[in-house]
Amino acid sequence: MQDPWRQFYQPPTNPLVRLGLVLAGIGILALSFILGLFFLAIAMGLAVVGFIVLTVRRWLGAGKRKRADDGMIDVEYRVVHRERRSTRRPEDGD
């Protein structure tokens, strides 16, 4: 039975070429791993710096900001009367 993958890729028969492909694959995997570690280290460093900055801001700003916990909430609202909404205006038509 003919393998459909064989028409796109035919493995090399020369052992030196196979060894070269294996070494290239290992090199690409190692490079990917090192780059992944590099980006992970940058992300972790940014997270630690952000955590430190937020902690220092909270400590320094804690005495300046006083919260009023009296239970009151400031809101804005508009009263809509039902009578005015349900009546038709003469310019509305039928």
N, C-alpha and C. Protein backbone atom coordinates (compact mmCIF):
# COMPACT_ATOMS: atom_id res chain seq x y z
N MET A 1 0.84 -1.18 0.00
CA MET A 1 0.00 0.00 0.00
C MET A 1 0.89 1.24 0.00
N GLN A 2 0.60 2.18 -0.84
CA GLN A 2 1.41 3.40 -0.98
C GLN A 2 1.07 4.40 0.12
N ASP A 3 2.09 4.87 0.82
CA ASP A 3 1.91 5.87 1.88
C ASP A 3 1.80 7.26 1.24
N PRO A 4 0.71 8.03 1.50
CA PRO A 4 0.57 9.35 0.86
C PRO A 4 1.64 10.34 1.32
N TRP A 5 2.23 10.12 2.48
CA TRP A 5 3.27 11.03 2.97
C TRP A 5 4.55 10.92 2.14
N ARG A 6 4.77 9.78 1.55
CA ARG A 6 6.00 9.54 0.78
C ARG A 6 6.09 10.42 -0.47
N GLN A 7 4.96 10.84 -1.01
CA GLN A 7 5.05 11.67 -2.21
C GLN A 7 5.48 13.10 -1.88
N PHE A 8 5.35 13.52 -0.62
CA PHE A 8 5.80 14.85 -0.22
C PHE A 8 7.18 14.83 0.42
N TYR A 9 7.46 13.79 1.18
CA TYR A 9 8.75 13.70 1.88
C TYR A 9 9.35 12.32 1.69
N GLN A 10 10.57 12.30 1.22
CA GLN A 10 11.29 11.03 1.10
C GLN A 10 12.53 11.13 1.96
N PRO A 11 12.64 10.28 2.98
CA PRO A 11 13.81 10.35 3.86
C PRO A 11 15.09 10.06 3.09
N PRO A 12 16.15 10.77 3.45
CA PRO A 12 17.41 10.55 2.74
C PRO A 12 17.98 9.16 3.04
N THR A 13 18.66 8.63 2.07
CA THR A 13 19.25 7.29 2.23
C THR A 13 20.68 7.36 2.74
N ASN A 14 21.35 8.48 2.56
CA ASN A 14 22.74 8.63 3.00
C ASN A 14 22.78 8.78 4.52
N PRO A 15 23.58 7.97 5.22
CA PRO A 15 23.63 8.05 6.68
C PRO A 15 24.21 9.38 7.19
N LEU A 16 25.11 10.00 6.43
CA LEU A 16 25.65 11.29 6.86
C LEU A 16 24.59 12.39 6.82
N VAL A 17 23.75 12.33 5.80
CA VAL A 17 22.66 13.31 5.70
C VAL A 17 21.66 13.10 6.83
N ARG A 18 21.36 11.84 7.13
CA ARG A 18 20.46 11.55 8.26
C ARG A 18 21.04 12.06 9.57
N LEU A 19 22.34 11.84 9.78
CA LEU A 19 23.00 12.33 10.99
C LEU A 19 22.94 13.86 11.05
N GLY A 20 23.14 14.51 9.92
CA GLY A 20 23.06 15.97 9.87
C GLY A 20 21.67 16.47 10.20
N LEU A 21 20.64 15.80 9.69
CA LEU A 21 19.26 16.19 9.99
C LEU A 21 18.93 15.99 11.47
N VAL A 22 19.44 14.90 12.04
CA VAL A 22 19.21 14.66 13.47
C VAL A 22 19.89 15.74 14.30
N LEU A 23 21.12 16.09 13.94
CA LEU A 23 21.84 17.14 14.67
C LEU A 23 21.16 18.50 14.51
N ALA A 24 20.66 18.78 13.30
CA ALA A 24 19.93 20.04 13.08
C ALA A 24 18.65 20.07 13.90
N GLY A 25 17.95 18.94 13.98
CA GLY A 25 16.73 18.88 14.80
C GLY A 25 17.02 19.10 16.27
N ILE A 26 18.09 18.47 16.76
CA ILE A 26 18.47 18.66 18.17
C ILE A 26 18.86 20.11 18.42
N GLY A 27 19.58 20.71 17.46
CA GLY A 27 19.96 22.12 17.62
C GLY A 27 18.75 23.04 17.65
N ILE A 28 17.77 22.80 16.79
CA ILE A 28 16.56 23.63 16.77
C ILE A 28 15.79 23.47 18.06
N LEU A 29 15.67 22.24 18.56
CA LEU A 29 14.98 22.02 19.83
C LEU A 29 15.70 22.71 20.99
N ALA A 30 17.03 22.63 21.01
CA ALA A 30 17.80 23.28 22.08
C ALA A 30 17.65 24.79 22.02
N LEU A 31 17.70 25.35 20.81
CA LEU A 31 17.53 26.79 20.65
C LEU A 31 16.14 27.23 21.09
N SER A 32 15.13 26.47 20.74
CA SER A 32 13.76 26.78 21.15
C SER A 32 13.63 26.74 22.67
N PHE A 33 14.24 25.75 23.29
CA PHE A 33 14.19 25.63 24.74
C PHE A 33 14.87 26.81 25.42
N ILE A 34 16.04 27.21 24.91
CA ILE A 34 16.77 28.33 25.51
C ILE A 34 16.00 29.63 25.34
N LEU A 35 15.43 29.85 24.14
CA LEU A 35 14.63 31.06 23.93
C LEU A 35 13.39 31.06 24.83
N GLY A 36 12.77 29.91 25.01
CA GLY A 36 11.63 29.82 25.91
C GLY A 36 12.01 30.17 27.34
N LEU A 37 13.16 29.67 27.79
CA LEU A 37 13.63 30.02 29.14
C LEU A 37 13.93 31.50 29.25
N PHE A 38 14.48 32.07 28.19
CA PHE A 38 14.79 33.50 28.18
C PHE A 38 13.52 34.34 28.32
N PHE A 39 12.50 34.03 27.51
CA PHE A 39 11.25 34.78 27.59
C PHE A 39 10.53 34.53 28.91
N LEU A 40 10.63 33.32 29.45
CA LEU A 40 10.03 33.05 30.76
C LEU A 40 10.72 33.86 31.85
N ALA A 41 12.05 33.99 31.77
CA ALA A 41 12.78 34.78 32.76
C ALA A 41 12.39 36.25 32.67
N ILE A 42 12.21 36.76 31.45
CA ILE A 42 11.79 38.15 31.30
C ILE A 42 10.39 38.35 31.87
N ALA A 43 9.47 37.44 31.59
CA ALA A 43 8.11 37.56 32.11
C ALA A 43 8.09 37.49 33.64
N MET A 44 8.87 36.59 34.21
CA MET A 44 8.92 36.48 35.67
C MET A 44 9.54 37.74 36.28
N GLY A 45 10.57 38.28 35.65
CA GLY A 45 11.18 39.51 36.15
C GLY A 45 10.22 40.67 36.12
N LEU A 46 9.46 40.81 35.03
CA LEU A 46 8.47 41.88 34.95
C LEU A 46 7.37 41.71 36.00
N ALA A 47 6.98 40.46 36.24
CA ALA A 47 5.94 40.21 37.26
C ALA A 47 6.45 40.57 38.65
N VAL A 48 7.69 40.23 38.95
CA VAL A 48 8.25 40.55 40.27
C VAL A 48 8.40 42.06 40.44
N VAL A 49 8.89 42.74 39.39
CA VAL A 49 9.04 44.20 39.48
C VAL A 49 7.67 44.86 39.63
N GLY A 50 6.69 44.40 38.90
CA GLY A 50 5.33 44.94 39.03
C GLY A 50 4.77 44.72 40.42
N PHE A 51 4.99 43.54 40.98
CA PHE A 51 4.51 43.26 42.33
C PHE A 51 5.17 44.18 43.35
N ILE A 52 6.47 44.39 43.21
CA ILE A 52 7.18 45.28 44.13
C ILE A 52 6.68 46.71 44.00
N VAL A 53 6.49 47.18 42.77
CA VAL A 53 6.00 48.55 42.56
C VAL A 53 4.61 48.73 43.16
N LEU A 54 3.72 47.78 42.93
CA LEU A 54 2.37 47.89 43.49
C LEU A 54 2.38 47.82 45.01
N THR A 55 3.24 47.00 45.58
CA THR A 55 3.34 46.91 47.04
C THR A 55 3.85 48.21 47.64
N VAL A 56 4.88 48.80 47.03
CA VAL A 56 5.43 50.06 47.54
C VAL A 56 4.40 51.17 47.40
N ARG A 57 3.68 51.20 46.28
CA ARG A 57 2.65 52.24 46.11
C ARG A 57 1.55 52.08 47.15
N ARG A 58 1.20 50.86 47.48
CA ARG A 58 0.15 50.64 48.48
C ARG A 58 0.63 51.10 49.86
N TRP A 59 1.89 50.79 50.20
CA TRP A 59 2.41 51.19 51.50
C TRP A 59 2.53 52.71 51.62
N LEU A 60 3.02 53.35 50.57
CA LEU A 60 3.21 54.80 50.63
C LEU A 60 1.88 55.55 50.53
N GLY A 61 0.92 55.02 49.84
CA GLY A 61 -0.35 55.71 49.67
C GLY A 61 -1.39 55.35 50.72
N ALA A 62 -1.07 54.46 51.64
CA ALA A 62 -2.07 54.02 52.62
C ALA A 62 -2.45 55.13 53.59
N GLY A 63 -1.51 55.97 54.01
CA GLY A 63 -1.81 57.01 54.97
C GLY A 63 -2.51 58.21 54.36
N LYS A 64 -2.34 58.45 53.08
CA LYS A 64 -2.89 59.63 52.43
C LYS A 64 -4.37 59.47 52.09
N ARG A 65 -4.76 58.28 51.76
CA ARG A 65 -6.13 58.07 51.30
C ARG A 65 -6.98 57.55 52.46
N LYS A 66 -8.01 58.30 52.77
CA LYS A 66 -8.94 57.86 53.82
C LYS A 66 -10.26 57.53 53.15
N ARG A 67 -10.77 56.39 53.46
CA ARG A 67 -12.04 55.96 52.89
C ARG A 67 -13.16 56.27 53.86
N ALA A 68 -14.25 56.73 53.31
CA ALA A 68 -15.44 56.95 54.11
C ALA A 68 -16.32 55.72 53.99
N ASP A 69 -16.33 54.89 55.00
CA ASP A 69 -17.15 53.69 55.01
C ASP A 69 -18.44 53.93 55.78
N ASP A 70 -19.18 54.96 55.36
CA ASP A 70 -20.44 55.26 56.03
C ASP A 70 -21.62 54.62 55.32
N GLY A 71 -21.37 53.87 54.27
CA GLY A 71 -22.43 53.16 53.58
C GLY A 71 -23.14 53.98 52.52
N MET A 72 -22.76 55.22 52.30
CA MET A 72 -23.43 56.04 51.31
C MET A 72 -22.75 55.88 49.95
N ILE A 73 -23.57 55.85 48.92
CA ILE A 73 -23.08 55.73 47.56
C ILE A 73 -23.58 56.93 46.77
N ASP A 74 -22.70 57.60 46.05
CA ASP A 74 -23.10 58.71 45.22
C ASP A 74 -23.56 58.18 43.87
N VAL A 75 -24.80 58.55 43.50
CA VAL A 75 -25.34 58.12 42.22
C VAL A 75 -26.00 59.29 41.52
N GLU A 76 -26.17 59.17 40.21
CA GLU A 76 -26.94 60.11 39.43
C GLU A 76 -28.04 59.33 38.73
N TYR A 77 -29.23 59.92 38.69
CA TYR A 77 -30.33 59.24 38.02
C TYR A 77 -31.25 60.27 37.39
N ARG A 78 -32.09 59.78 36.47
CA ARG A 78 -33.06 60.63 35.80
C ARG A 78 -34.42 59.97 35.94
N VAL A 79 -35.42 60.74 36.32
CA VAL A 79 -36.77 60.23 36.49
C VAL A 79 -37.47 60.27 35.14
N VAL A 80 -38.02 59.14 34.74
CA VAL A 80 -38.77 59.05 33.49
C VAL A 80 -40.22 58.79 33.86
N HIS A 81 -41.09 59.70 33.48
CA HIS A 81 -42.51 59.54 33.80
C HIS A 81 -43.18 58.67 32.75
N ARG A 82 -43.98 57.71 33.17
CA ARG A 82 -44.66 56.81 32.25
C ARG A 82 -45.71 57.54 31.41
N GLU A 83 -46.38 58.52 32.00
CA GLU A 83 -47.42 59.22 31.26
C GLU A 83 -46.83 59.93 30.06
N ARG A 84 -45.71 60.53 30.22
CA ARG A 84 -45.08 61.27 29.14
C ARG A 84 -44.55 60.32 28.05
N ARG A 85 -44.08 59.15 28.44
CA ARG A 85 -43.55 58.21 27.47
C ARG A 85 -44.65 57.57 26.63
N SER A 86 -45.81 57.31 27.23
CA SER A 86 -46.85 56.55 26.51
C SER A 86 -47.72 57.45 25.65
N THR A 87 -47.71 58.74 25.83
CA THR A 87 -48.54 59.61 25.00
C THR A 87 -47.88 59.82 23.66
N ARG A 88 -48.73 59.97 22.63
CA ARG A 88 -48.22 60.19 21.28
C ARG A 88 -48.09 61.68 21.01
N ARG A 89 -47.07 62.00 20.29
CA ARG A 89 -46.88 63.37 19.86
C ARG A 89 -47.55 63.55 18.50
N PRO A 90 -48.01 64.74 18.23
CA PRO A 90 -48.70 64.94 16.93
C PRO A 90 -47.78 64.71 15.74
N GLU A 91 -46.50 64.94 15.86
CA GLU A 91 -45.60 64.77 14.72
C GLU A 91 -45.24 63.31 14.46
N ASP A 92 -45.61 62.40 15.39
CA ASP A 92 -45.30 60.98 15.20
C ASP A 92 -46.12 60.37 14.07
N GLY A 93 -47.35 60.84 13.85
CA GLY A 93 -48.19 60.26 12.80
C GLY A 93 -48.97 59.08 13.32
N ASP A 94 -49.49 58.27 12.40
CA ASP A 94 -50.32 57.13 12.82
C ASP A 94 -49.48 55.98 13.23
